[in-house]
C-alpha atoms as a PDB file:
ATOM      1  CA  MET A   1     112.958 183.125  25.300  1.00  0.00           C
ATOM      2  CA  ASN A   2     111.893 179.625  24.520  1.00  0.00           C
ATOM      3  CA  PHE A   3     108.359 178.770  25.690  1.00  0.00           C
ATOM      4  CA  GLY A   4     108.037 175.655  23.520  1.00  0.00           C
ATOM      5  CA  LYS A   5     106.679 174.931  20.070  1.00  0.00           C
ATOM      6  CA  ASN A   6     104.912 177.954  18.577  1.00  0.00           C
ATOM      7  CA  TYR A   7     105.367 179.749  21.922  1.00  0.00           C
ATOM      8  CA  ALA A   8     102.549 177.545  23.280  1.00  0.00           C
ATOM      9  CA  GLY A   9     103.607 177.909  26.946  1.00  0.00           C
ATOM     10  CA  ALA A  10     103.931 181.691  26.847  1.00  0.00           C
ATOM     11  CA  ARG A  11     103.005 183.678  29.928  1.00  0.00           C
ATOM     12  CA  ASP A  12     101.188 186.424  27.996  1.00  0.00           C
ATOM     13  CA  GLU A  13     100.760 187.947  24.519  1.00  0.00           C
ATOM     14  CA  PHE A  14     104.401 189.091  24.262  1.00  0.00           C
ATOM     15  CA  VAL A  15     107.483 187.542  22.683  1.00  0.00           C
ATOM     16  CA  TYR A  16     110.512 188.053  24.968  1.00  0.00           C
ATOM     17  CA  ILE A  17     114.009 188.523  23.529  1.00  0.00           C
ATOM     18  CA  TYR A  18     117.322 188.422  25.426  1.00  0.00           C
ATOM     19  CA  SER A  19     120.655 189.751  24.219  1.00  0.00           C
ATOM     20  CA  GLN A  20     124.018 190.501  25.661  1.00  0.00           C
ATOM     21  CA  ASP A  21     124.259 194.256  26.087  1.00  0.00           C
ATOM     22  CA  GLY A  22     127.066 194.949  23.649  1.00  0.00           C
ATOM     23  CA  PRO A  23     127.771 195.590  19.980  1.00  0.00           C
ATOM     24  CA  SER A  24     129.171 192.137  19.125  1.00  0.00           C
ATOM     25  CA  ALA A  25     128.154 188.524  19.717  1.00  0.00           C
ATOM     26  CA  TYR A  26     131.866 187.673  19.744  1.00  0.00           C
ATOM     27  CA  GLU A  27     132.877 189.911  22.633  1.00  0.00           C
ATOM     28  CA  SER A  28     131.745 189.663  26.234  1.00  0.00           C
ATOM     29  CA  SER A  29     129.653 192.418  27.754  1.00  0.00           C
ATOM     30  CA  ASP A  30     128.686 193.306  31.305  1.00  0.00           C
ATOM     31  CA  GLY A  31     125.013 192.397  31.198  1.00  0.00           C
ATOM     32  CA  VAL A  32     122.042 190.801  29.481  1.00  0.00           C
ATOM     33  CA  ILE A  33     119.091 192.928  28.376  1.00  0.00           C
ATOM     34  CA  LEU A  34     115.470 191.999  27.737  1.00  0.00           C
ATOM     35  CA  ALA A  35     113.029 193.289  25.137  1.00  0.00           C
ATOM     36  CA  ARG A  36     109.448 192.329  24.431  1.00  0.00           C
ATOM     37  CA  VAL A  37     107.003 192.812  21.587  1.00  0.00           C
ATOM     38  CA  PRO A  38     103.386 191.732  21.053  1.00  0.00           C
ATOM     39  CA  LYS A  39     103.343 188.419  19.139  1.00  0.00           C
ATOM     40  CA  ALA A  40     101.291 189.936  16.332  1.00  0.00           C
ATOM     41  CA  ARG A  41     103.749 192.847  15.892  1.00  0.00           C
ATOM     42  CA  VAL A  42     107.178 191.178  15.762  1.00  0.00           C
ATOM     43  CA  ARG A  43     107.974 192.842  12.428  1.00  0.00           C
ATOM     44  CA  ASP A  44     107.067 196.317  13.710  1.00  0.00           C
ATOM     45  CA  GLN A  45     110.202 197.882  15.207  1.00  0.00           C
ATOM     46  CA  GLN A  46     108.121 200.624  16.840  1.00  0.00           C
ATOM     47  CA  SER A  47     106.273 198.012  18.936  1.00  0.00           C
ATOM     48  CA  TYR A  48     109.351 196.821  20.839  1.00  0.00           C
ATOM     49  CA  GLN A  49     109.744 197.690  24.518  1.00  0.00           C
ATOM     50  CA  PHE A  50     112.854 197.333  26.667  1.00  0.00           C
ATOM     51  CA  PHE A  51     113.098 196.347  30.312  1.00  0.00           C
ATOM     52  CA  ALA A  52     113.739 199.521  32.336  1.00  0.00           C
ATOM     53  CA  GLY A  53     113.975 198.139  35.872  1.00  0.00           C
ATOM     54  CA  THR A  54     111.366 197.336  38.483  1.00  0.00           C
ATOM     55  CA  ALA A  55     109.149 199.554  40.569  1.00  0.00           C
ATOM     56  CA  SER A  56     109.404 199.446  44.375  1.00  0.00           C
ATOM     57  CA  ASP A  57     106.712 196.738  44.412  1.00  0.00           C
ATOM     58  CA  GLY A  58     108.699 194.574  41.950  1.00  0.00           C
ATOM     59  CA  THR A  59     106.522 195.356  38.934  1.00  0.00           C
ATOM     60  CA  PRO A  60     108.595 195.444  35.726  1.00  0.00           C
ATOM     61  CA  GLN A  61     108.876 198.783  33.961  1.00  0.00           C
ATOM     62  CA  TRP A  62     109.120 198.993  30.155  1.00  0.00           C
ATOM     63  CA  THR A  63     110.289 201.722  27.793  1.00  0.00           C
ATOM     64  CA  LYS A  64     110.321 202.183  24.031  1.00  0.00           C
ATOM     65  CA  ASN A  65     113.608 204.093  24.338  1.00  0.00           C
ATOM     66  CA  ILE A  66     116.482 201.613  24.045  1.00  0.00           C
ATOM     67  CA  ASP A  67     118.791 204.107  25.781  1.00  0.00           C
ATOM     68  CA  GLU A  68     116.689 203.718  28.959  1.00  0.00           C
ATOM     69  CA  ARG A  69     117.135 199.930  29.100  1.00  0.00           C
ATOM     70  CA  HIS A  70     118.410 198.175  32.237  1.00  0.00           C
ATOM     71  CA  ALA A  71     120.179 194.845  32.421  1.00  0.00           C
ATOM     72  CA  VAL A  72     118.130 191.934  33.773  1.00  0.00           C
ATOM     73  CA  PHE A  73     121.345 190.038  34.523  1.00  0.00           C
ATOM     74  CA  SER A  74     124.816 191.351  35.287  1.00  0.00           C
ATOM     75  CA  PHE A  75     128.182 189.568  35.272  1.00  0.00           C
ATOM     76  CA  PRO A  76     130.770 192.191  34.211  1.00  0.00           C
ATOM     77  CA  GLY A  77     132.945 191.080  31.314  1.00  0.00           C
ATOM     78  CA  HIS A  78     131.293 187.646  31.056  1.00  0.00           C
ATOM     79  CA  CYS A  79     127.947 187.959  29.252  1.00  0.00           C
ATOM     80  CA  GLN A  80     128.004 186.282  25.880  1.00  0.00           C
ATOM     81  CA  ARG A  81     125.524 184.121  23.940  1.00  0.00           C
ATOM     82  CA  ALA A  82     122.507 184.073  26.275  1.00  0.00           C
ATOM     83  CA  ASP A  83     119.656 181.561  25.995  1.00  0.00           C
ATOM     84  CA  VAL A  84     116.545 181.481  28.205  1.00  0.00           C
ATOM     85  CA  VAL A  85     113.935 178.741  28.484  1.00  0.00           C
ATOM     86  CA  TYR A  86     110.891 178.431  30.700  1.00  0.00           C
ATOM     87  CA  ASN A  87     110.731 175.113  32.569  1.00  0.00           C
ATOM     88  CA  PRO A  88     106.984 174.665  33.203  1.00  0.00           C
ATOM     89  CA  LEU A  89     107.600 171.712  35.530  1.00  0.00           C
ATOM     90  CA  LEU A  90     109.772 173.845  37.832  1.00  0.00           C
ATOM     91  CA  LYS A  91     107.881 177.065  37.087  1.00  0.00           C
ATOM     92  CA  ARG A  92     111.270 178.772  36.674  1.00  0.00           C
ATOM     93  CA  TYR A  93     113.131 180.625  33.933  1.00  0.00           C
ATOM     94  CA  LEU A  94     116.570 179.197  33.164  1.00  0.00           C
ATOM     95  CA  LEU A  95     119.358 181.285  31.625  1.00  0.00           C
ATOM     96  CA  ALA A  96     122.283 179.471  29.991  1.00  0.00           C
ATOM     97  CA  LEU A  97     125.150 181.870  29.440  1.00  0.00           C
ATOM     98  CA  GLY A  98     128.494 181.286  27.731  1.00  0.00           C
ATOM     99  CA  TYR A  99     131.493 183.243  29.020  1.00  0.00           C
ATOM    100  CA  ASN A 100     134.602 182.887  26.959  1.00  0.00           C
ATOM    101  CA  HIS A 101     134.358 180.484  23.976  1.00  0.00           C
ATOM    102  CA  ALA A 102     136.756 178.261  25.935  1.00  0.00           C
ATOM    103  CA  GLY A 103     134.322 176.226  28.019  1.00  0.00           C
ATOM    104  CA  GLY A 104     133.162 178.798  30.556  1.00  0.00           C
ATOM    105  CA  TRP A 105     129.420 178.880  31.165  1.00  0.00           C
ATOM    106  CA  GLY A 106     126.719 179.140  33.771  1.00  0.00           C
ATOM    107  CA  LEU A 107     123.128 178.223  34.437  1.00  0.00           C
ATOM    108  CA  TYR A 108     120.962 180.720  36.334  1.00  0.00           C
ATOM    109  CA  ASP A 109     117.325 180.567  37.414  1.00  0.00           C
ATOM    110  CA  ALA A 110     114.624 183.117  38.205  1.00  0.00           C
ATOM    111  CA  PRO A 111     110.920 183.252  39.033  1.00  0.00           C
ATOM    112  CA  GLU A 112     110.271 185.900  36.351  1.00  0.00           C
ATOM    113  CA  PRO A 113     111.853 186.700  32.954  1.00  0.00           C
ATOM    114  CA  TRP A 114     113.512 189.814  34.490  1.00  0.00           C
ATOM    115  CA  GLY A 115     114.840 187.999  37.563  1.00  0.00           C
ATOM    116  CA  PRO A 116     116.053 188.087  40.192  1.00  0.00           C
ATOM    117  CA  TRP A 117     118.576 185.497  38.976  1.00  0.00           C
ATOM    118  CA  THR A 118     120.386 183.017  41.216  1.00  0.00           C
ATOM    119  CA  THR A 119     123.335 180.828  40.278  1.00  0.00           C
ATOM    120  CA  ALA A 120     122.492 177.167  39.691  1.00  0.00           C
ATOM    121  CA  PHE A 121     125.836 176.248  38.071  1.00  0.00           C
ATOM    122  CA  HIS A 122     129.004 178.082  37.075  1.00  0.00           C
ATOM    123  CA  THR A 123     132.357 177.037  35.659  1.00  0.00           C
ATOM    124  CA  ASP A 124     135.229 178.839  33.981  1.00  0.00           C
ATOM    125  CA  TYR A 125     136.150 175.569  32.240  1.00  0.00           C
ATOM    126  CA  TRP A 126     134.219 172.310  32.361  1.00  0.00           C
ATOM    127  CA  GLY A 127     136.868 170.123  30.766  1.00  0.00           C
ATOM    128  CA  LEU A 128     135.377 169.883  27.288  1.00  0.00           C
ATOM    129  CA  GLY A 129     137.600 172.324  25.433  1.00  0.00           C
ATOM    130  CA  GLY A 130     136.380 175.284  23.439  1.00  0.00           C
ATOM    131  CA  THR A 131     132.644 174.905  23.811  1.00  0.00           C
ATOM    132  CA  HIS A 132     130.097 177.692  23.437  1.00  0.00           C
ATOM    133  CA  GLY A 133     126.536 178.483  22.371  1.00  0.00           C
ATOM    134  CA  TYR A 134     124.763 176.716  25.244  1.00  0.00           C
ATOM    135  CA  ARG A 135     121.043 176.053  24.669  1.00  0.00           C
ATOM    136  CA  LEU A 136     118.282 174.374  26.700  1.00  0.00           C
ATOM    137  CA  PRO A 137     115.588 173.278  24.219  1.00  0.00           C
ATOM    138  CA  ALA A 138     112.079 173.362  25.721  1.00  0.00           C
ATOM    139  CA  LYS A 139     111.244 170.206  23.764  1.00  0.00           C
ATOM    140  CA  TRP A 140     113.910 168.301  25.693  1.00  0.00           C
ATOM    141  CA  ILE A 141     112.783 169.181  29.221  1.00  0.00           C
ATOM    142  CA  GLY A 142     111.623 166.150  31.187  1.00  0.00           C
ATOM    143  CA  PRO A 143     110.170 163.675  31.605  1.00  0.00           C
ATOM    144  CA  ASN A 144     110.396 165.148  35.112  1.00  0.00           C
ATOM    145  CA  ALA A 145     111.210 168.678  36.250  1.00  0.00           C
ATOM    146  CA  THR A 146     114.896 168.063  36.905  1.00  0.00           C
ATOM    147  CA  GLU A 147     115.857 166.382  33.613  1.00  0.00           C
ATOM    148  CA  MET A 148     116.920 168.507  30.671  1.00  0.00           C
ATOM    149  CA  THR A 149     119.199 168.387  27.652  1.00  0.00           C
ATOM    150  CA  LEU A 150     122.017 170.845  27.051  1.00  0.00           C
ATOM    151  CA  VAL A 151     122.941 171.546  23.427  1.00  0.00           C
ATOM    152  CA  PHE A 152     126.163 173.381  22.591  1.00  0.00           C
ATOM    153  CA  SER A 153     128.790 173.860  19.911  1.00  0.00           C
ATOM    154  CA  GLY A 154     132.286 172.481  20.055  1.00  0.00           C
ATOM    155  CA  VAL A 155     135.581 172.832  18.273  1.00  0.00           C
ATOM    156  CA  GLN A 156     138.494 170.653  17.301  1.00  0.00           C
ATOM    157  CA  LEU A 157     141.496 170.712  19.632  1.00  0.00           C
ATOM    158  CA  PRO A 158     144.776 168.792  19.430  1.00  0.00           C
ATOM    159  CA  ASN A 159     143.994 165.101  20.042  1.00  0.00           C
ATOM    160  CA  ILE A 160     140.293 165.828  20.671  1.00  0.00           C
ATOM    161  CA  SER A 161     137.504 166.402  18.141  1.00  0.00           C
ATOM    162  CA  TYR A 162     134.023 167.615  18.993  1.00  0.00           C
ATOM    163  CA  ASP A 163     131.094 167.735  16.640  1.00  0.00           C
ATOM    164  CA  ALA A 164     129.692 171.151  15.904  1.00  0.00           C
ATOM    165  CA  PHE A 165     126.436 169.889  17.488  1.00  0.00           C
ATOM    166  CA  CYS A 166     126.995 168.485  20.981  1.00  0.00           C
ATOM    167  CA  VAL A 167     124.305 167.145  23.305  1.00  0.00           C
ATOM    168  CA  ARG A 168     124.481 166.272  27.016  1.00  0.00           C
ATOM    169  CA  ARG A 169     121.677 165.107  29.286  1.00  0.00           C
ATOM    170  CA  MET A 170     121.681 166.886  32.611  1.00  0.00           C
ATOM    171  CA  LYS A 171     119.889 166.415  35.891  1.00  0.00           C
ATOM    172  CA  LEU A 172     119.280 169.329  38.230  1.00  0.00           C
ATOM    173  CA  GLU A 173     119.638 168.842  41.966  1.00  0.00           C
ATOM    174  CA  LEU A 174     117.014 170.962  43.700  1.00  0.00           C
ATOM    175  CA  ARG A 175     117.613 172.537  47.114  1.00  0.00           C
ATOM    176  CA  ALA A 176     114.973 173.654  49.556  1.00  0.00           C
ATOM    177  CA  ASN A 177     114.550 177.422  49.874  1.00  0.00           C
ATOM    178  CA  ARG A 178     116.846 178.916  52.469  1.00  0.00           C
END
């Protein structure tokens, strides 16, 4: 999770790490998992904890046993290359998730790092060819809450060439709670 330079905007003393819940970064999985570790103990594998669901009051539960992990986000067969950033102006967590290395991706938001996640944007193909690796750098949020920059990788297709480093400004349209 990206909280800004040197984790300056972090919510607590933990570093949060997201990963698709599968053996390969090149194959889609069914969900995204979340781990955390105290900032001072990142190199200590025994200090890592995995999200294990929420209690009936919504409190997150953590376990040291990776086999007891629960997904924080589920989209069967579509979870690949997850990136999460905290937008301090919106006070929301934003998950950018690539689907298929062919231009499928989505943007999801949540009030907490473990969700619940709602869909802000989704497309199976956004017309830019084989793009992937979507990122939302904390440094490029603003100047107001709804303006951000999307960074992604591209490929070369017949008659179209993309740089390996692609950048697009984006503006979120906020809706009132329903």
